[in-house]
Amino acid sequence: LAAQHLVVTPWNESQGVLDVQLAKMGFSRHITIKTPSMLSAPAIIAQSELLMAIPRSAAAKMTDAATLQVFELPFEVPPFEVIIYSHKRSGQRGASQWLKERLREWAATERT
């Protein structure tokens, strides 16, 4: 926990699922960098001493994009909800509907 951490937060939230769990246990972490995109995270992590806590399935994909080490957390993190947002105007188009359905299918397979 003494290390510096990177957090992916599209809406610049002050805390995430991990931070809530740490607070329940009486701990906190030092967040040095917030990035809005998961796409930039592997490059930042690979070129620094920062730590980042993300779901195991996402970490497995990131090791393909950059030379990273993956570690297990020393405690359990409760399940969390992922929500898909889309603009009212474009969210009903065929391509958007197709993408949302693929994401739902992927999420369902990752939970098992």
PDB file of N, CA and C in Angstrom:
ATOM      1  N   LEU A   1       0.806  -1.210   0.000  1.00  0.00           N
ATOM      2  CA  LEU A   1       0.000   0.000   0.000  1.00  0.00           C
ATOM      3  C   LEU A   1       0.846   1.269   0.000  1.00  0.00           C
ATOM      4  N   ALA A   2       2.089   1.127   0.375  1.00  0.00           N
ATOM      5  CA  ALA A   2       2.972   2.293   0.379  1.00  0.00           C
ATOM      6  C   ALA A   2       3.371   2.706  -1.032  1.00  0.00           C
ATOM      7  N   ALA A   3       3.210   1.812  -1.991  1.00  0.00           N
ATOM      8  CA  ALA A   3       3.570   2.111  -3.384  1.00  0.00           C
ATOM      9  C   ALA A   3       2.614   3.146  -3.970  1.00  0.00           C
ATOM     10  N   GLN A   4       3.023   3.713  -5.094  1.00  0.00           N
ATOM     11  CA  GLN A   4       2.164   4.651  -5.811  1.00  0.00           C
ATOM     12  C   GLN A   4       1.302   3.872  -6.797  1.00  0.00           C
ATOM     13  N   HIS A   5       0.050   4.317  -6.947  1.00  0.00           N
ATOM     14  CA  HIS A   5      -0.918   3.585  -7.760  1.00  0.00           C
ATOM     15  C   HIS A   5      -1.457   4.428  -8.911  1.00  0.00           C
ATOM     16  N   LEU A   6      -1.768   3.754 -10.004  1.00  0.00           N
ATOM     17  CA  LEU A   6      -2.489   4.336 -11.134  1.00  0.00           C
ATOM     18  C   LEU A   6      -3.914   3.812 -11.056  1.00  0.00           C
ATOM     19  N   VAL A   7      -4.883   4.681 -11.315  1.00  0.00           N
ATOM     20  CA  VAL A   7      -6.290   4.285 -11.317  1.00  0.00           C
ATOM     21  C   VAL A   7      -6.907   4.699 -12.641  1.00  0.00           C
ATOM     22  N   VAL A   8      -7.646   3.780 -13.256  1.00  0.00           N
ATOM     23  CA  VAL A   8      -8.413   4.094 -14.461  1.00  0.00           C
ATOM     24  C   VAL A   8      -9.790   4.542 -13.993  1.00  0.00           C
ATOM     25  N   THR A   9     -10.144   5.775 -14.306  1.00  0.00           N
ATOM     26  CA  THR A   9     -11.420   6.332 -13.872  1.00  0.00           C
ATOM     27  C   THR A   9     -11.971   7.271 -14.938  1.00  0.00           C
ATOM     28  N   PRO A  10     -12.862   6.778 -15.784  1.00  0.00           N
ATOM     29  CA  PRO A  10     -13.402   7.605 -16.868  1.00  0.00           C
ATOM     30  C   PRO A  10     -14.089   8.878 -16.385  1.00  0.00           C
ATOM     31  N   TRP A  11     -14.632   8.854 -15.154  1.00  0.00           N
ATOM     32  CA  TRP A  11     -15.353  10.023 -14.653  1.00  0.00           C
ATOM     33  C   TRP A  11     -14.622  10.696 -13.501  1.00  0.00           C
ATOM     34  N   ASN A  12     -13.343  10.406 -13.330  1.00  0.00           N
ATOM     35  CA  ASN A  12     -12.503  11.040 -12.313  1.00  0.00           C
ATOM     36  C   ASN A  12     -13.066  10.873 -10.900  1.00  0.00           C
ATOM     37  N   GLU A  13     -13.610   9.688 -10.614  1.00  0.00           N
ATOM     38  CA  GLU A  13     -14.135   9.421  -9.277  1.00  0.00           C
ATOM     39  C   GLU A  13     -13.013   9.490  -8.249  1.00  0.00           C
ATOM     40  N   SER A  14     -13.370   9.809  -7.023  1.00  0.00           N
ATOM     41  CA  SER A  14     -12.362   9.911  -5.968  1.00  0.00           C
ATOM     42  C   SER A  14     -11.972   8.543  -5.423  1.00  0.00           C
ATOM     43  N   GLN A  15     -12.856   7.546  -5.562  1.00  0.00           N
ATOM     44  CA  GLN A  15     -12.519   6.200  -5.108  1.00  0.00           C
ATOM     45  C   GLN A  15     -13.278   5.167  -5.920  1.00  0.00           C
ATOM     46  N   GLY A  16     -12.701   3.981  -5.976  1.00  0.00           N
ATOM     47  CA  GLY A  16     -13.325   2.889  -6.699  1.00  0.00           C
ATOM     48  C   GLY A  16     -13.637   1.734  -5.767  1.00  0.00           C
ATOM     49  N   VAL A  17     -13.992   0.600  -6.349  1.00  0.00           N
ATOM     50  CA  VAL A  17     -14.354  -0.594  -5.589  1.00  0.00           C
ATOM     51  C   VAL A  17     -13.230  -0.987  -4.637  1.00  0.00           C
ATOM     52  N   LEU A  18     -12.005  -0.982  -5.124  1.00  0.00           N
ATOM     53  CA  LEU A  18     -10.863  -1.367  -4.292  1.00  0.00           C
ATOM     54  C   LEU A  18     -10.679  -0.404  -3.122  1.00  0.00           C
ATOM     55  N   ASP A  19     -10.841   0.886  -3.362  1.00  0.00           N
ATOM     56  CA  ASP A  19     -10.662   1.876  -2.301  1.00  0.00           C
ATOM     57  C   ASP A  19     -11.726   1.734  -1.213  1.00  0.00           C
ATOM     58  N   VAL A  20     -12.945   1.404  -1.607  1.00  0.00           N
ATOM     59  CA  VAL A  20     -14.016   1.173  -0.631  1.00  0.00           C
ATOM     60  C   VAL A  20     -13.660  -0.026   0.246  1.00  0.00           C
ATOM     61  N   GLN A  21     -13.177  -1.097  -0.385  1.00  0.00           N
ATOM     62  CA  GLN A  21     -12.797  -2.292   0.371  1.00  0.00           C
ATOM     63  C   GLN A  21     -11.619  -2.002   1.303  1.00  0.00           C
ATOM     64  N   LEU A  22     -10.626  -1.278   0.815  1.00  0.00           N
ATOM     65  CA  LEU A  22      -9.484  -0.915   1.661  1.00  0.00           C
ATOM     66  C   LEU A  22      -9.937  -0.087   2.865  1.00  0.00           C
ATOM     67  N   ALA A  23     -10.839   0.863   2.647  1.00  0.00           N
ATOM     68  CA  ALA A  23     -11.334   1.702   3.742  1.00  0.00           C
ATOM     69  C   ALA A  23     -12.046   0.859   4.798  1.00  0.00           C
ATOM     70  N   LYS A  24     -12.807  -0.139   4.366  1.00  0.00           N
ATOM     71  CA  LYS A  24     -13.481  -1.035   5.317  1.00  0.00           C
ATOM     72  C   LYS A  24     -12.473  -1.777   6.184  1.00  0.00           C
ATOM     73  N   MET A  25     -11.296  -2.011   5.637  1.00  0.00           N
ATOM     74  CA  MET A  25     -10.252  -2.732   6.368  1.00  0.00           C
ATOM     75  C   MET A  25      -9.324  -1.774   7.125  1.00  0.00           C
ATOM     76  N   GLY A  26      -9.597  -0.464   7.020  1.00  0.00           N
ATOM     77  CA  GLY A  26      -8.795   0.526   7.727  1.00  0.00           C
ATOM     78  C   GLY A  26      -7.548   0.969   6.989  1.00  0.00           C
ATOM     79  N   PHE A  27      -7.522   0.782   5.674  1.00  0.00           N
ATOM     80  CA  PHE A  27      -6.352   1.140   4.875  1.00  0.00           C
ATOM     81  C   PHE A  27      -6.734   2.109   3.761  1.00  0.00           C
ATOM     82  N   SER A  28      -5.725   2.677   3.139  1.00  0.00           N
ATOM     83  CA  SER A  28      -5.918   3.486   1.935  1.00  0.00           C
ATOM     84  C   SER A  28      -4.673   3.328   1.079  1.00  0.00           C
ATOM     85  N   ARG A  29      -4.749   3.781  -0.153  1.00  0.00           N
ATOM     86  CA  ARG A  29      -3.590   3.707  -1.045  1.00  0.00           C
ATOM     87  C   ARG A  29      -3.285   5.096  -1.585  1.00  0.00           C
ATOM     88  N   HIS A  30      -2.067   5.258  -2.086  1.00  0.00           N
ATOM     89  CA  HIS A  30      -1.611   6.547  -2.611  1.00  0.00           C
ATOM     90  C   HIS A  30      -1.786   6.546  -4.129  1.00  0.00           C
ATOM     91  N   ILE A  31      -2.825   7.228  -4.601  1.00  0.00           N
ATOM     92  CA  ILE A  31      -3.093   7.309  -6.040  1.00  0.00           C
ATOM     93  C   ILE A  31      -2.309   8.483  -6.606  1.00  0.00           C
ATOM     94  N   THR A  32      -1.372   8.164  -7.493  1.00  0.00           N
ATOM     95  CA  THR A  32      -0.503   9.175  -8.090  1.00  0.00           C
ATOM     96  C   THR A  32      -1.038   9.658  -9.429  1.00  0.00           C
ATOM     97  N   ILE A  33      -1.575   8.727 -10.223  1.00  0.00           N
ATOM     98  CA  ILE A  33      -2.049   9.060 -11.567  1.00  0.00           C
ATOM     99  C   ILE A  33      -3.446   8.504 -11.758  1.00  0.00           C
ATOM    100  N   LYS A  34      -4.316   9.339 -12.351  1.00  0.00           N
ATOM    101  CA  LYS A  34      -5.634   8.892 -12.795  1.00  0.00           C
ATOM    102  C   LYS A  34      -5.652   9.036 -14.305  1.00  0.00           C
ATOM    103  N   THR A  35      -6.113   8.008 -14.978  1.00  0.00           N
ATOM    104  CA  THR A  35      -6.242   8.071 -16.433  1.00  0.00           C
ATOM    105  C   THR A  35      -7.668   7.679 -16.799  1.00  0.00           C
ATOM    106  N   PRO A  36      -8.264   8.336 -17.789  1.00  0.00           N
ATOM    107  CA  PRO A  36      -9.641   8.015 -18.142  1.00  0.00           C
ATOM    108  C   PRO A  36      -9.776   6.768 -19.011  1.00  0.00           C
ATOM    109  N   SER A  37      -8.671   6.250 -19.508  1.00  0.00           N
ATOM    110  CA  SER A  37      -8.753   5.161 -20.479  1.00  0.00           C
ATOM    111  C   SER A  37      -7.891   3.970 -20.090  1.00  0.00           C
ATOM    112  N   MET A  38      -8.460   2.795 -20.197  1.00  0.00           N
ATOM    113  CA  MET A  38      -7.713   1.565 -19.953  1.00  0.00           C
ATOM    114  C   MET A  38      -6.650   1.364 -21.037  1.00  0.00           C
ATOM    115  N   LEU A  39      -6.810   2.007 -22.185  1.00  0.00           N
ATOM    116  CA  LEU A  39      -5.857   1.840 -23.283  1.00  0.00           C
ATOM    117  C   LEU A  39      -4.488   2.440 -22.969  1.00  0.00           C
ATOM    118  N   SER A  40      -4.451   3.521 -22.204  1.00  0.00           N
ATOM    119  CA  SER A  40      -3.170   4.156 -21.882  1.00  0.00           C
ATOM    120  C   SER A  40      -2.473   3.498 -20.694  1.00  0.00           C
ATOM    121  N   ALA A  41      -3.207   2.775 -19.886  1.00  0.00           N
ATOM    122  CA  ALA A  41      -2.662   2.225 -18.637  1.00  0.00           C
ATOM    123  C   ALA A  41      -1.468   1.287 -18.823  1.00  0.00           C
ATOM    124  N   PRO A  42      -1.496   0.318 -19.751  1.00  0.00           N
ATOM    125  CA  PRO A  42      -0.349  -0.598 -19.855  1.00  0.00           C
ATOM    126  C   PRO A  42       0.974   0.113 -20.133  1.00  0.00           C
ATOM    127  N   ALA A  43       0.956   1.105 -21.003  1.00  0.00           N
ATOM    128  CA  ALA A  43       2.193   1.821 -21.331  1.00  0.00           C
ATOM    129  C   ALA A  43       2.699   2.608 -20.128  1.00  0.00           C
ATOM    130  N   ILE A  44       1.797   3.224 -19.394  1.00  0.00           N
ATOM    131  CA  ILE A  44       2.201   3.992 -18.212  1.00  0.00           C
ATOM    132  C   ILE A  44       2.787   3.058 -17.157  1.00  0.00           C
ATOM    133  N   ILE A  45       2.106   1.959 -16.898  1.00  0.00           N
ATOM    134  CA  ILE A  45       2.561   0.995 -15.886  1.00  0.00           C
ATOM    135  C   ILE A  45       3.909   0.392 -16.283  1.00  0.00           C
ATOM    136  N   ALA A  46       4.053   0.026 -17.559  1.00  0.00           N
ATOM    137  CA  ALA A  46       5.281  -0.630 -18.029  1.00  0.00           C
ATOM    138  C   ALA A  46       6.506   0.272 -17.907  1.00  0.00           C
ATOM    139  N   GLN A  47       6.303   1.590 -17.945  1.00  0.00           N
ATOM    140  CA  GLN A  47       7.425   2.529 -17.898  1.00  0.00           C
ATOM    141  C   GLN A  47       7.578   3.196 -16.532  1.00  0.00           C
ATOM    142  N   SER A  48       7.005   2.588 -15.505  1.00  0.00           N
ATOM    143  CA  SER A  48       7.058   3.203 -14.179  1.00  0.00           C
ATOM    144  C   SER A  48       7.110   2.130 -13.098  1.00  0.00           C
ATOM    145  N   GLU A  49       7.116   2.573 -11.871  1.00  0.00           N
ATOM    146  CA  GLU A  49       7.059   1.670 -10.713  1.00  0.00           C
ATOM    147  C   GLU A  49       5.650   1.642 -10.124  1.00  0.00           C
ATOM    148  N   LEU A  50       4.686   2.185 -10.858  1.00  0.00           N
ATOM    149  CA  LEU A  50       3.312   2.262 -10.367  1.00  0.00           C
ATOM    150  C   LEU A  50       2.655   0.888 -10.316  1.00  0.00           C
ATOM    151  N   LEU A  51       1.671   0.770  -9.446  1.00  0.00           N
ATOM    152  CA  LEU A  51       0.824  -0.416  -9.373  1.00  0.00           C
ATOM    153  C   LEU A  51      -0.567  -0.044  -9.849  1.00  0.00           C
ATOM    154  N   MET A  52      -1.293  -1.038 -10.365  1.00  0.00           N
ATOM    155  CA  MET A  52      -2.665  -0.822 -10.797  1.00  0.00           C
ATOM    156  C   MET A  52      -3.454  -2.073 -10.455  1.00  0.00           C
ATOM    157  N   ALA A  53      -4.589  -1.906  -9.820  1.00  0.00           N
ATOM    158  CA  ALA A  53      -5.460  -3.033  -9.486  1.00  0.00           C
ATOM    159  C   ALA A  53      -6.627  -3.051 -10.463  1.00  0.00           C
ATOM    160  N   ILE A  54      -6.719  -4.133 -11.231  1.00  0.00           N
ATOM    161  CA  ILE A  54      -7.785  -4.295 -12.218  1.00  0.00           C
ATOM    162  C   ILE A  54      -8.254  -5.745 -12.183  1.00  0.00           C
ATOM    163  N   PRO A  55      -9.407  -6.037 -12.779  1.00  0.00           N
ATOM    164  CA  PRO A  55      -9.864  -7.428 -12.814  1.00  0.00           C
ATOM    165  C   PRO A  55      -8.839  -8.343 -13.490  1.00  0.00           C
ATOM    166  N   ARG A  56      -8.781  -9.562 -13.019  1.00  0.00           N
ATOM    167  CA  ARG A  56      -7.827 -10.564 -13.519  1.00  0.00           C
ATOM    168  C   ARG A  56      -7.916 -10.724 -15.040  1.00  0.00           C
ATOM    169  N   SER A  57      -9.133 -10.741 -15.576  1.00  0.00           N
ATOM    170  CA  SER A  57      -9.296 -10.934 -17.026  1.00  0.00           C
ATOM    171  C   SER A  57      -8.694  -9.771 -17.811  1.00  0.00           C
ATOM    172  N   ALA A  58      -8.832  -8.554 -17.300  1.00  0.00           N
ATOM    173  CA  ALA A  58      -8.236  -7.392 -17.971  1.00  0.00           C
ATOM    174  C   ALA A  58      -6.719  -7.431 -17.870  1.00  0.00           C
ATOM    175  N   ALA A  59      -6.208  -7.853 -16.723  1.00  0.00           N
ATOM    176  CA  ALA A  59      -4.751  -7.954 -16.545  1.00  0.00           C
ATOM    177  C   ALA A  59      -4.157  -8.956 -17.523  1.00  0.00           C
ATOM    178  N   ALA A  60      -4.852 -10.066 -17.735  1.00  0.00           N
ATOM    179  CA  ALA A  60      -4.366 -11.079 -18.679  1.00  0.00           C
ATOM    180  C   ALA A  60      -4.261 -10.504 -20.085  1.00  0.00           C
ATOM    181  N   LYS A  61      -5.206  -9.670 -20.470  1.00  0.00           N
ATOM    182  CA  LYS A  61      -5.169  -9.046 -21.801  1.00  0.00           C
ATOM    183  C   LYS A  61      -4.040  -8.015 -21.886  1.00  0.00           C
ATOM    184  N   MET A  62      -3.791  -7.296 -20.802  1.00  0.00           N
ATOM    185  CA  MET A  62      -2.756  -6.257 -20.815  1.00  0.00           C
ATOM    186  C   MET A  62      -1.355  -6.827 -20.923  1.00  0.00           C
ATOM    187  N   THR A  63      -1.137  -8.013 -20.425  1.00  0.00           N
ATOM    188  CA  THR A  63       0.207  -8.588 -20.519  1.00  0.00           C
ATOM    189  C   THR A  63       0.575  -8.883 -21.964  1.00  0.00           C
ATOM    190  N   ASP A  64      -0.420  -8.944 -22.846  1.00  0.00           N
ATOM    191  CA  ASP A  64      -0.146  -9.097 -24.274  1.00  0.00           C
ATOM    192  C   ASP A  64       0.332  -7.781 -24.881  1.00  0.00           C
ATOM    193  N   ALA A  65      -0.087  -6.657 -24.292  1.00  0.00           N
ATOM    194  CA  ALA A  65       0.229  -5.339 -24.841  1.00  0.00           C
ATOM    195  C   ALA A  65       1.520  -4.750 -24.283  1.00  0.00           C
ATOM    196  N   ALA A  66       1.934  -5.203 -23.118  1.00  0.00           N
ATOM    197  CA  ALA A  66       3.128  -4.637 -22.479  1.00  0.00           C
ATOM    198  C   ALA A  66       3.743  -5.682 -21.550  1.00  0.00           C
ATOM    199  N   THR A  67       5.003  -5.486 -21.221  1.00  0.00           N
ATOM    200  CA  THR A  67       5.680  -6.384 -20.291  1.00  0.00           C
ATOM    201  C   THR A  67       5.291  -5.979 -18.876  1.00  0.00           C
ATOM    202  N   LEU A  68       4.382  -6.734 -18.308  1.00  0.00           N
ATOM    203  CA  LEU A  68       3.864  -6.429 -16.979  1.00  0.00           C
ATOM    204  C   LEU A  68       3.915  -7.664 -16.100  1.00  0.00           C
ATOM    205  N   GLN A  69       4.009  -7.442 -14.806  1.00  0.00           N
ATOM    206  CA  GLN A  69       3.902  -8.529 -13.846  1.00  0.00           C
ATOM    207  C   GLN A  69       2.509  -8.472 -13.239  1.00  0.00           C
ATOM    208  N   VAL A  70       1.893  -9.632 -13.058  1.00  0.00           N
ATOM    209  CA  VAL A  70       0.554  -9.709 -12.478  1.00  0.00           C
ATOM    210  C   VAL A  70       0.654 -10.386 -11.119  1.00  0.00           C
ATOM    211  N   PHE A  71       0.061  -9.762 -10.112  1.00  0.00           N
ATOM    212  CA  PHE A  71       0.054 -10.288  -8.747  1.00  0.00           C
ATOM    213  C   PHE A  71      -1.387 -10.403  -8.261  1.00  0.00           C
ATOM    214  N   GLU A  72      -1.633 -11.353  -7.394  1.00  0.00           N
ATOM    215  CA  GLU A  72      -2.944 -11.481  -6.761  1.00  0.00           C
ATOM    216  C   GLU A  72      -3.032 -10.493  -5.605  1.00  0.00           C
ATOM    217  N   LEU A  73      -4.215  -9.942  -5.375  1.00  0.00           N
ATOM    218  CA  LEU A  73      -4.418  -9.105  -4.198  1.00  0.00           C
ATOM    219  C   LEU A  73      -4.405  -9.991  -2.958  1.00  0.00           C
ATOM    220  N   PRO A  74      -3.919  -9.484  -1.840  1.00  0.00           N
ATOM    221  CA  PRO A  74      -3.872 -10.301  -0.620  1.00  0.00           C
ATOM    222  C   PRO A  74      -5.204 -10.338   0.136  1.00  0.00           C
ATOM    223  N   PHE A  75      -6.281  -9.895  -0.504  1.00  0.00           N
ATOM    224  CA  PHE A  75      -7.611  -9.911   0.107  1.00  0.00           C
ATOM    225  C   PHE A  75      -8.644  -9.990  -1.009  1.00  0.00           C
ATOM    226  N   GLU A  76      -9.860 -10.352  -0.641  1.00  0.00           N
ATOM    227  CA  GLU A  76     -10.941 -10.464  -1.619  1.00  0.00           C
ATOM    228  C   GLU A  76     -11.576  -9.098  -1.874  1.00  0.00           C
ATOM    229  N   VAL A  77     -11.954  -8.869  -3.111  1.00  0.00           N
ATOM    230  CA  VAL A  77     -12.700  -7.671  -3.479  1.00  0.00           C
ATOM    231  C   VAL A  77     -14.086  -8.140  -3.905  1.00  0.00           C
ATOM    232  N   PRO A  78     -15.139  -7.539  -3.363  1.00  0.00           N
ATOM    233  CA  PRO A  78     -16.483  -7.992  -3.723  1.00  0.00           C
ATOM    234  C   PRO A  78     -16.775  -7.755  -5.203  1.00  0.00           C
ATOM    235  N   PRO A  79     -17.683  -8.542  -5.765  1.00  0.00           N
ATOM    236  CA  PRO A  79     -18.067  -8.331  -7.168  1.00  0.00           C
ATOM    237  C   PRO A  79     -18.596  -6.908  -7.361  1.00  0.00           C
ATOM    238  N   PHE A  80     -18.454  -6.409  -8.566  1.00  0.00           N
ATOM    239  CA  PHE A  80     -18.949  -5.070  -8.853  1.00  0.00           C
ATOM    240  C   PHE A  80     -19.681  -5.073 -10.180  1.00  0.00           C
ATOM    241  N   GLU A  81     -20.497  -4.066 -10.361  1.00  0.00           N
ATOM    242  CA  GLU A  81     -21.335  -3.961 -11.549  1.00  0.00           C
ATOM    243  C   GLU A  81     -20.643  -3.110 -12.611  1.00  0.00           C
ATOM    244  N   VAL A  82     -20.723  -3.556 -13.844  1.00  0.00           N
ATOM    245  CA  VAL A  82     -20.220  -2.787 -14.978  1.00  0.00           C
ATOM    246  C   VAL A  82     -21.434  -2.348 -15.786  1.00  0.00           C
ATOM    247  N   ILE A  83     -21.500  -1.067 -16.078  1.00  0.00           N
ATOM    248  CA  ILE A  83     -22.651  -0.512 -16.787  1.00  0.00           C
ATOM    249  C   ILE A  83     -22.199   0.021 -18.140  1.00  0.00           C
ATOM    250  N   ILE A  84     -22.985  -0.248 -19.169  1.00  0.00           N
ATOM    251  CA  ILE A  84     -22.703   0.263 -20.512  1.00  0.00           C
ATOM    252  C   ILE A  84     -23.554   1.512 -20.723  1.00  0.00           C
ATOM    253  N   TYR A  85     -22.906   2.619 -21.029  1.00  0.00           N
ATOM    254  CA  TYR A  85     -23.603   3.859 -21.329  1.00  0.00           C
ATOM    255  C   TYR A  85     -23.509   4.130 -22.823  1.00  0.00           C
ATOM    256  N   SER A  86     -24.570   4.682 -23.382  1.00  0.00           N
ATOM    257  CA  SER A  86     -24.518   5.118 -24.776  1.00  0.00           C
ATOM    258  C   SER A  86     -25.458   6.306 -24.945  1.00  0.00           C
ATOM    259  N   HIS A  87     -25.167   7.119 -25.928  1.00  0.00           N
ATOM    260  CA  HIS A  87     -25.995   8.286 -26.201  1.00  0.00           C
ATOM    261  C   HIS A  87     -27.343   7.827 -26.740  1.00  0.00           C
ATOM    262  N   LYS A  88     -28.396   8.524 -26.338  1.00  0.00           N
ATOM    263  CA  LYS A  88     -29.748   8.166 -26.754  1.00  0.00           C
ATOM    264  C   LYS A  88     -29.876   8.094 -28.277  1.00  0.00           C
ATOM    265  N   ARG A  89     -29.236   9.018 -28.960  1.00  0.00           N
ATOM    266  CA  ARG A  89     -29.356   9.096 -30.410  1.00  0.00           C
ATOM    267  C   ARG A  89     -28.629   7.953 -31.121  1.00  0.00           C
ATOM    268  N   SER A  90     -27.409   7.636 -30.694  1.00  0.00           N
ATOM    269  CA  SER A  90     -26.635   6.615 -31.404  1.00  0.00           C
ATOM    270  C   SER A  90     -26.711   5.243 -30.749  1.00  0.00           C
ATOM    271  N   GLY A  91     -27.182   5.169 -29.520  1.00  0.00           N
ATOM    272  CA  GLY A  91     -27.199   3.908 -28.788  1.00  0.00           C
ATOM    273  C   GLY A  91     -28.130   2.858 -29.349  1.00  0.00           C
ATOM    274  N   GLN A  92     -29.073   3.267 -30.170  1.00  0.00           N
ATOM    275  CA  GLN A  92     -30.035   2.317 -30.729  1.00  0.00           C
ATOM    276  C   GLN A  92     -29.674   1.864 -32.144  1.00  0.00           C
ATOM    277  N   ARG A  93     -28.597   2.388 -32.687  1.00  0.00           N
ATOM    278  CA  ARG A  93     -28.171   2.002 -34.032  1.00  0.00           C
ATOM    279  C   ARG A  93     -27.654   0.578 -34.030  1.00  0.00           C
ATOM    280  N   GLY A  94     -27.672  -0.042 -35.194  1.00  0.00           N
ATOM    281  CA  GLY A  94     -27.260  -1.437 -35.319  1.00  0.00           C
ATOM    282  C   GLY A  94     -25.870  -1.722 -34.797  1.00  0.00           C
ATOM    283  N   ALA A  95     -24.890  -0.895 -35.155  1.00  0.00           N
ATOM    284  CA  ALA A  95     -23.513  -1.138 -34.726  1.00  0.00           C
ATOM    285  C   ALA A  95     -23.381  -1.011 -33.210  1.00  0.00           C
ATOM    286  N   SER A  96     -24.038  -0.018 -32.628  1.00  0.00           N
ATOM    287  CA  SER A  96     -23.982   0.155 -31.172  1.00  0.00           C
ATOM    288  C   SER A  96     -24.649  -1.012 -30.464  1.00  0.00           C
ATOM    289  N   GLN A  97     -25.794  -1.426 -30.968  1.00  0.00           N
ATOM    290  CA  GLN A  97     -26.499  -2.570 -30.379  1.00  0.00           C
ATOM    291  C   GLN A  97     -25.639  -3.824 -30.474  1.00  0.00           C
ATOM    292  N   TRP A  98     -24.995  -4.029 -31.626  1.00  0.00           N
ATOM    293  CA  TRP A  98     -24.135  -5.199 -31.820  1.00  0.00           C
ATOM    294  C   TRP A  98     -22.987  -5.180 -30.811  1.00  0.00           C
ATOM    295  N   LEU A  99     -22.320  -4.032 -30.666  1.00  0.00           N
ATOM    296  CA  LEU A  99     -21.198  -3.923 -29.741  1.00  0.00           C
ATOM    297  C   LEU A  99     -21.646  -4.180 -28.306  1.00  0.00           C
ATOM    298  N   LYS A 100     -22.767  -3.591 -27.895  1.00  0.00           N
ATOM    299  CA  LYS A 100     -23.254  -3.802 -26.533  1.00  0.00           C
ATOM    300  C   LYS A 100     -23.569  -5.277 -26.287  1.00  0.00           C
ATOM    301  N   GLU A 101     -24.123  -5.943 -27.261  1.00  0.00           N
ATOM    302  CA  GLU A 101     -24.424  -7.376 -27.109  1.00  0.00           C
ATOM    303  C   GLU A 101     -23.142  -8.196 -26.990  1.00  0.00           C
ATOM    304  N   ARG A 102     -22.120  -7.874 -27.798  1.00  0.00           N
ATOM    305  CA  ARG A 102     -20.840  -8.596 -27.684  1.00  0.00           C
ATOM    306  C   ARG A 102     -20.223  -8.378 -26.301  1.00  0.00           C
ATOM    307  N   LEU A 103     -20.295  -7.153 -25.790  1.00  0.00           N
ATOM    308  CA  LEU A 103     -19.754  -6.864 -24.457  1.00  0.00           C
ATOM    309  C   LEU A 103     -20.498  -7.641 -23.380  1.00  0.00           C
ATOM    310  N   ARG A 104     -21.820  -7.728 -23.508  1.00  0.00           N
ATOM    311  CA  ARG A 104     -22.604  -8.512 -22.541  1.00  0.00           C
ATOM    312  C   ARG A 104     -22.208  -9.985 -22.595  1.00  0.00           C
ATOM    313  N   GLU A 105     -22.043 -10.515 -23.799  1.00  0.00           N
ATOM    314  CA  GLU A 105     -21.640 -11.921 -23.946  1.00  0.00           C
ATOM    315  C   GLU A 105     -20.267 -12.152 -23.333  1.00  0.00           C
ATOM    316  N   TRP A 106     -19.329 -11.255 -23.603  1.00  0.00           N
ATOM    317  CA  TRP A 106     -17.983 -11.392 -23.054  1.00  0.00           C
ATOM    318  C   TRP A 106     -18.019 -11.350 -21.533  1.00  0.00           C
ATOM    319  N   ALA A 107     -18.776 -10.400 -20.989  1.00  0.00           N
ATOM    320  CA  ALA A 107     -18.865 -10.280 -19.529  1.00  0.00           C
ATOM    321  C   ALA A 107     -19.461 -11.537 -18.913  1.00  0.00           C
ATOM    322  N   ALA A 108     -20.437 -12.125 -19.573  1.00  0.00           N
ATOM    323  CA  ALA A 108     -21.053 -13.350 -19.047  1.00  0.00           C
ATOM    324  C   ALA A 108     -20.048 -14.498 -19.014  1.00  0.00           C
ATOM    325  N   THR A 109     -19.185 -14.603 -20.016  1.00  0.00           N
ATOM    326  CA  THR A 109     -18.201 -15.690 -20.028  1.00  0.00           C
ATOM    327  C   THR A 109     -17.089 -15.436 -19.026  1.00  0.00           C
ATOM    328  N   GLU A 110     -16.763 -14.174 -18.759  1.00  0.00           N
ATOM    329  CA  GLU A 110     -15.698 -13.848 -17.805  1.00  0.00           C
ATOM    330  C   GLU A 110     -16.118 -14.120 -16.369  1.00  0.00           C
ATOM    331  N   ARG A 111     -17.407 -14.098 -16.091  1.00  0.00           N
ATOM    332  CA  ARG A 111     -17.893 -14.339 -14.726  1.00  0.00           C
ATOM    333  C   ARG A 111     -17.848 -15.802 -14.339  1.00  0.00           C
ATOM    334  N   THR A 112     -17.804 -16.665 -15.315  1.00  0.00           N
ATOM    335  CA  THR A 112     -17.851 -18.099 -14.994  1.00  0.00           C
ATOM    336  C   THR A 112     -16.483 -18.669 -14.764  1.00  0.00           C
TER     337      THR A 112
END
